[in-house]
Amino acid sequence: MDPDDHVCLCFRVSLRKIRTFLAVENPPVASLISECLSAGTGCHWCVPFLEHLHAQHARGESPDLNVSPQRYAEARLKFHESGARDEKVVREAGAPSLDGAPPDEPRP
């Protein structure tokens, strides 16, 4: 994902804005990213991705999502239709699976 691509599509919060917020505010928990233009408070699609970005920041890494913006947006549309996140997209982005397993470990 490029820095100007939106992570929170509801409120158009870009990866760059989230990175800046993390660097300036250094929130102790991922849920405080919501203070960055309300990220994650709309449809909640981006919450696992915001948690992943926060975890990367906490480890001293540059927050990033390894998924194309098009695939990300398409998966969000399916999420709105079905109410379920596509586990493949979550893992492709580098976020832990929805059951908490790290992205490089197979699901039980």
N, C-alpha and C. Protein backbone atom coordinates (compact mmCIF):
# COMPACT_ATOMS: atom_id res chain seq x y z
N MET A 1 0.84 -1.17 0.00
CA MET A 1 0.00 0.00 0.00
C MET A 1 0.89 1.24 0.00
N ASP A 2 0.55 2.21 -0.79
CA ASP A 2 1.32 3.45 -0.85
C ASP A 2 0.89 4.38 0.28
N PRO A 3 1.75 5.30 0.68
CA PRO A 3 1.43 6.18 1.81
C PRO A 3 0.13 6.97 1.66
N ASP A 4 -0.24 7.33 0.45
CA ASP A 4 -1.45 8.13 0.27
C ASP A 4 -2.70 7.30 0.02
N ASP A 5 -2.58 5.97 0.05
CA ASP A 5 -3.75 5.10 -0.06
C ASP A 5 -4.49 5.10 1.28
N HIS A 6 -5.79 4.97 1.19
CA HIS A 6 -6.62 5.01 2.39
C HIS A 6 -6.68 3.65 3.09
N VAL A 7 -6.41 3.67 4.39
CA VAL A 7 -6.57 2.48 5.23
C VAL A 7 -8.01 2.46 5.74
N CYS A 8 -8.45 3.58 6.28
CA CYS A 8 -9.84 3.72 6.71
C CYS A 8 -10.60 4.36 5.55
N LEU A 9 -11.37 3.55 4.87
CA LEU A 9 -12.08 4.03 3.69
C LEU A 9 -13.31 4.85 4.07
N CYS A 10 -13.89 4.62 5.22
CA CYS A 10 -15.07 5.39 5.64
C CYS A 10 -14.72 6.87 5.80
N PHE A 11 -13.60 7.14 6.44
CA PHE A 11 -13.22 8.51 6.76
C PHE A 11 -12.00 9.00 5.96
N ARG A 12 -11.60 8.21 4.96
CA ARG A 12 -10.50 8.56 4.06
C ARG A 12 -9.22 8.91 4.83
N VAL A 13 -8.84 8.01 5.71
CA VAL A 13 -7.61 8.20 6.49
C VAL A 13 -6.51 7.40 5.80
N SER A 14 -5.51 8.11 5.33
CA SER A 14 -4.44 7.47 4.57
C SER A 14 -3.42 6.80 5.49
N LEU A 15 -2.64 5.92 4.89
CA LEU A 15 -1.54 5.28 5.60
C LEU A 15 -0.56 6.34 6.09
N ARG A 16 -0.31 7.36 5.30
CA ARG A 16 0.60 8.44 5.70
C ARG A 16 0.09 9.14 6.97
N LYS A 17 -1.21 9.43 7.03
CA LYS A 17 -1.78 10.09 8.21
C LYS A 17 -1.65 9.21 9.44
N ILE A 18 -1.88 7.91 9.26
CA ILE A 18 -1.77 6.99 10.39
C ILE A 18 -0.32 6.89 10.85
N ARG A 19 0.61 6.79 9.90
CA ARG A 19 2.03 6.76 10.27
C ARG A 19 2.43 8.01 11.05
N THR A 20 1.98 9.16 10.58
CA THR A 20 2.31 10.42 11.26
C THR A 20 1.70 10.45 12.65
N PHE A 21 0.46 10.03 12.76
CA PHE A 21 -0.20 9.99 14.06
C PHE A 21 0.56 9.09 15.03
N LEU A 22 0.95 7.91 14.55
CA LEU A 22 1.70 6.98 15.41
C LEU A 22 3.02 7.59 15.85
N ALA A 23 3.71 8.25 14.93
CA ALA A 23 5.01 8.84 15.26
C ALA A 23 4.89 10.00 16.24
N VAL A 24 3.88 10.83 16.06
CA VAL A 24 3.73 12.03 16.91
C VAL A 24 3.09 11.69 18.25
N GLU A 25 2.03 10.91 18.22
CA GLU A 25 1.25 10.64 19.44
C GLU A 25 1.73 9.41 20.21
N ASN A 26 2.33 8.46 19.51
CA ASN A 26 2.79 7.21 20.12
C ASN A 26 1.74 6.61 21.05
N PRO A 27 0.56 6.29 20.52
CA PRO A 27 -0.52 5.79 21.38
C PRO A 27 -0.15 4.45 22.01
N PRO A 28 -0.47 4.27 23.30
CA PRO A 28 -0.11 3.02 23.98
C PRO A 28 -0.94 1.82 23.52
N VAL A 29 -2.12 2.07 22.97
CA VAL A 29 -2.97 0.98 22.47
C VAL A 29 -3.51 1.33 21.10
N ALA A 30 -3.77 0.32 20.30
CA ALA A 30 -4.21 0.53 18.92
C ALA A 30 -5.55 1.26 18.83
N SER A 31 -6.41 1.06 19.79
CA SER A 31 -7.74 1.69 19.72
C SER A 31 -7.66 3.21 19.71
N LEU A 32 -6.56 3.77 20.21
CA LEU A 32 -6.43 5.23 20.21
C LEU A 32 -6.13 5.80 18.83
N ILE A 33 -5.89 4.94 17.86
CA ILE A 33 -5.74 5.43 16.48
C ILE A 33 -7.05 6.06 16.03
N SER A 34 -8.14 5.74 16.69
CA SER A 34 -9.43 6.36 16.36
C SER A 34 -9.39 7.87 16.51
N GLU A 35 -8.45 8.38 17.29
CA GLU A 35 -8.30 9.83 17.45
C GLU A 35 -7.70 10.47 16.20
N CYS A 36 -7.25 9.66 15.27
CA CYS A 36 -6.72 10.15 14.00
C CYS A 36 -7.86 10.17 12.99
N LEU A 37 -8.59 11.26 12.96
CA LEU A 37 -9.69 11.47 12.01
C LEU A 37 -10.76 10.37 12.09
N SER A 38 -10.95 9.80 13.27
CA SER A 38 -11.97 8.77 13.53
C SER A 38 -11.68 7.43 12.84
N ALA A 39 -10.45 7.18 12.49
CA ALA A 39 -10.09 5.92 11.82
C ALA A 39 -10.60 4.72 12.61
N GLY A 40 -11.24 3.82 11.91
CA GLY A 40 -11.70 2.58 12.51
C GLY A 40 -13.05 2.64 13.19
N THR A 41 -13.70 3.81 13.19
CA THR A 41 -14.96 3.94 13.92
C THR A 41 -16.20 3.87 13.04
N GLY A 42 -16.00 3.74 11.74
CA GLY A 42 -17.15 3.66 10.83
C GLY A 42 -17.65 2.23 10.73
N CYS A 43 -17.27 1.55 9.68
CA CYS A 43 -17.74 0.18 9.43
C CYS A 43 -16.92 -0.87 10.17
N HIS A 44 -15.78 -0.47 10.72
CA HIS A 44 -14.87 -1.34 11.48
C HIS A 44 -14.06 -2.30 10.62
N TRP A 45 -14.16 -2.20 9.30
CA TRP A 45 -13.39 -3.07 8.42
C TRP A 45 -11.90 -2.98 8.71
N CYS A 46 -11.40 -1.77 8.93
CA CYS A 46 -9.95 -1.56 9.02
C CYS A 46 -9.35 -1.86 10.39
N VAL A 47 -10.16 -2.20 11.37
CA VAL A 47 -9.66 -2.38 12.74
C VAL A 47 -8.49 -3.38 12.82
N PRO A 48 -8.57 -4.58 12.24
CA PRO A 48 -7.41 -5.49 12.34
C PRO A 48 -6.16 -4.92 11.67
N PHE A 49 -6.36 -4.13 10.63
CA PHE A 49 -5.23 -3.53 9.93
C PHE A 49 -4.62 -2.41 10.76
N LEU A 50 -5.46 -1.63 11.44
CA LEU A 50 -4.96 -0.59 12.35
C LEU A 50 -4.19 -1.22 13.50
N GLU A 51 -4.69 -2.34 14.01
CA GLU A 51 -3.99 -3.05 15.09
C GLU A 51 -2.62 -3.52 14.60
N HIS A 52 -2.56 -3.99 13.37
CA HIS A 52 -1.30 -4.44 12.79
C HIS A 52 -0.32 -3.27 12.65
N LEU A 53 -0.80 -2.13 12.16
CA LEU A 53 0.05 -0.96 12.01
C LEU A 53 0.58 -0.50 13.37
N HIS A 54 -0.28 -0.55 14.38
CA HIS A 54 0.14 -0.17 15.74
C HIS A 54 1.21 -1.12 16.25
N ALA A 55 1.04 -2.40 16.02
CA ALA A 55 2.02 -3.40 16.48
C ALA A 55 3.36 -3.18 15.79
N GLN A 56 3.34 -2.88 14.50
CA GLN A 56 4.60 -2.60 13.79
C GLN A 56 5.28 -1.38 14.40
N HIS A 57 4.51 -0.33 14.64
CA HIS A 57 5.07 0.88 15.24
C HIS A 57 5.67 0.58 16.61
N ALA A 58 4.97 -0.20 17.41
CA ALA A 58 5.45 -0.54 18.76
C ALA A 58 6.76 -1.33 18.70
N ARG A 59 6.97 -2.09 17.62
CA ARG A 59 8.22 -2.85 17.46
C ARG A 59 9.32 -2.01 16.82
N GLY A 60 9.03 -0.75 16.51
CA GLY A 60 10.02 0.12 15.90
C GLY A 60 10.13 -0.03 14.40
N GLU A 61 9.17 -0.70 13.80
CA GLU A 61 9.15 -0.88 12.35
C GLU A 61 8.34 0.23 11.69
N SER A 62 8.55 0.43 10.42
CA SER A 62 7.74 1.38 9.67
C SER A 62 6.39 0.73 9.37
N PRO A 63 5.30 1.31 9.86
CA PRO A 63 3.98 0.71 9.63
C PRO A 63 3.65 0.62 8.15
N ASP A 64 3.23 -0.57 7.72
CA ASP A 64 2.91 -0.79 6.31
C ASP A 64 1.92 -1.94 6.19
N LEU A 65 1.19 -1.93 5.09
CA LEU A 65 0.28 -3.02 4.75
C LEU A 65 0.70 -3.55 3.39
N ASN A 66 0.93 -4.83 3.31
CA ASN A 66 1.42 -5.46 2.07
C ASN A 66 0.26 -5.99 1.24
N VAL A 67 -0.64 -5.11 0.86
CA VAL A 67 -1.78 -5.49 0.04
C VAL A 67 -2.06 -4.34 -0.92
N SER A 68 -2.52 -4.67 -2.11
CA SER A 68 -2.82 -3.60 -3.07
C SER A 68 -4.08 -2.86 -2.61
N PRO A 69 -4.14 -1.57 -2.86
CA PRO A 69 -5.33 -0.80 -2.48
C PRO A 69 -6.60 -1.34 -3.14
N GLN A 70 -6.46 -1.83 -4.37
CA GLN A 70 -7.63 -2.37 -5.07
C GLN A 70 -8.15 -3.62 -4.38
N ARG A 71 -7.25 -4.54 -4.05
CA ARG A 71 -7.66 -5.78 -3.36
C ARG A 71 -8.26 -5.45 -2.00
N TYR A 72 -7.66 -4.50 -1.30
CA TYR A 72 -8.13 -4.07 0.01
C TYR A 72 -9.57 -3.53 -0.10
N ALA A 73 -9.81 -2.64 -1.07
CA ALA A 73 -11.14 -2.06 -1.24
C ALA A 73 -12.17 -3.10 -1.68
N GLU A 74 -11.77 -4.01 -2.55
CA GLU A 74 -12.69 -5.07 -2.99
C GLU A 74 -13.07 -5.97 -1.81
N ALA A 75 -12.11 -6.29 -0.96
CA ALA A 75 -12.40 -7.13 0.21
C ALA A 75 -13.33 -6.42 1.17
N ARG A 76 -13.19 -5.09 1.27
CA ARG A 76 -14.08 -4.33 2.14
C ARG A 76 -15.51 -4.38 1.62
N LEU A 77 -15.69 -4.30 0.30
CA LEU A 77 -17.04 -4.40 -0.27
C LEU A 77 -17.66 -5.75 0.06
N LYS A 78 -16.87 -6.81 -0.05
CA LYS A 78 -17.38 -8.14 0.29
C LYS A 78 -17.71 -8.23 1.78
N PHE A 79 -16.91 -7.56 2.61
CA PHE A 79 -17.17 -7.50 4.05
C PHE A 79 -18.53 -6.85 4.31
N HIS A 80 -18.84 -5.81 3.59
CA HIS A 80 -20.14 -5.13 3.75
C HIS A 80 -21.29 -6.02 3.31
N GLU A 81 -21.05 -6.84 2.31
CA GLU A 81 -22.09 -7.74 1.82
C GLU A 81 -22.32 -8.92 2.75
N SER A 82 -21.22 -9.51 3.25
CA SER A 82 -21.32 -10.75 4.02
C SER A 82 -21.19 -10.57 5.53
N GLY A 83 -20.54 -9.49 5.95
CA GLY A 83 -20.30 -9.29 7.38
C GLY A 83 -19.07 -10.03 7.88
N ALA A 84 -18.34 -10.68 6.98
CA ALA A 84 -17.14 -11.44 7.37
C ALA A 84 -15.93 -10.92 6.61
N ARG A 85 -14.81 -10.84 7.32
CA ARG A 85 -13.56 -10.41 6.67
C ARG A 85 -12.95 -11.59 5.92
N ASP A 86 -12.33 -11.28 4.80
CA ASP A 86 -11.62 -12.29 4.01
C ASP A 86 -10.27 -12.54 4.68
N GLU A 87 -10.13 -13.69 5.29
CA GLU A 87 -8.91 -14.05 6.01
C GLU A 87 -7.68 -13.93 5.13
N LYS A 88 -7.81 -14.23 3.85
CA LYS A 88 -6.67 -14.16 2.93
C LYS A 88 -6.15 -12.73 2.81
N VAL A 89 -7.04 -11.77 2.75
CA VAL A 89 -6.62 -10.37 2.62
C VAL A 89 -5.98 -9.89 3.91
N VAL A 90 -6.52 -10.30 5.04
CA VAL A 90 -5.94 -9.92 6.33
C VAL A 90 -4.51 -10.43 6.41
N ARG A 91 -4.31 -11.69 6.07
CA ARG A 91 -2.97 -12.27 6.13
C ARG A 91 -2.06 -11.70 5.05
N GLU A 92 -2.60 -11.45 3.86
CA GLU A 92 -1.80 -10.86 2.78
C GLU A 92 -1.26 -9.49 3.19
N ALA A 93 -2.05 -8.73 3.92
CA ALA A 93 -1.63 -7.41 4.37
C ALA A 93 -0.55 -7.49 5.44
N GLY A 94 -0.38 -8.68 6.01
CA GLY A 94 0.64 -8.85 7.03
C GLY A 94 0.09 -8.84 8.44
N ALA A 95 -1.20 -8.63 8.57
CA ALA A 95 -1.83 -8.60 9.90
C ALA A 95 -1.99 -10.02 10.43
N PRO A 96 -2.01 -10.18 11.75
CA PRO A 96 -2.28 -11.52 12.29
C PRO A 96 -3.66 -11.98 11.85
N SER A 97 -3.83 -13.27 11.76
CA SER A 97 -5.13 -13.79 11.37
C SER A 97 -6.16 -13.41 12.42
N LEU A 98 -7.40 -13.54 12.06
CA LEU A 98 -8.47 -13.15 12.97
C LEU A 98 -8.53 -14.02 14.22
N ASP A 99 -7.86 -15.19 14.16
CA ASP A 99 -7.81 -16.03 15.36
C ASP A 99 -6.54 -15.76 16.17
N GLY A 100 -5.77 -14.73 15.77
CA GLY A 100 -4.61 -14.32 16.54
C GLY A 100 -3.28 -14.92 16.10
N ALA A 101 -3.30 -15.84 15.14
CA ALA A 101 -2.05 -16.46 14.68
C ALA A 101 -1.24 -15.45 13.88
N PRO A 102 0.08 -15.41 14.05
CA PRO A 102 0.90 -14.50 13.24
C PRO A 102 0.74 -14.82 11.77
N PRO A 103 1.02 -13.84 10.89
CA PRO A 103 0.77 -14.05 9.46
C PRO A 103 1.59 -15.14 8.83
N ASP A 104 2.74 -15.50 9.41
CA ASP A 104 3.59 -16.52 8.79
C ASP A 104 3.32 -17.92 9.32
N GLU A 105 2.35 -18.07 10.19
CA GLU A 105 2.03 -19.40 10.72
C GLU A 105 0.70 -19.87 10.18
N PRO A 106 0.62 -21.17 9.87
CA PRO A 106 -0.66 -21.69 9.36
C PRO A 106 -1.72 -21.67 10.45
N ARG A 107 -2.95 -21.59 10.03
CA ARG A 107 -4.07 -21.62 10.98
C ARG A 107 -4.24 -23.03 11.50
N PRO A 108 -4.70 -23.17 12.74
CA PRO A 108 -4.94 -24.52 13.31
C PRO A 108 -6.06 -25.25 12.61
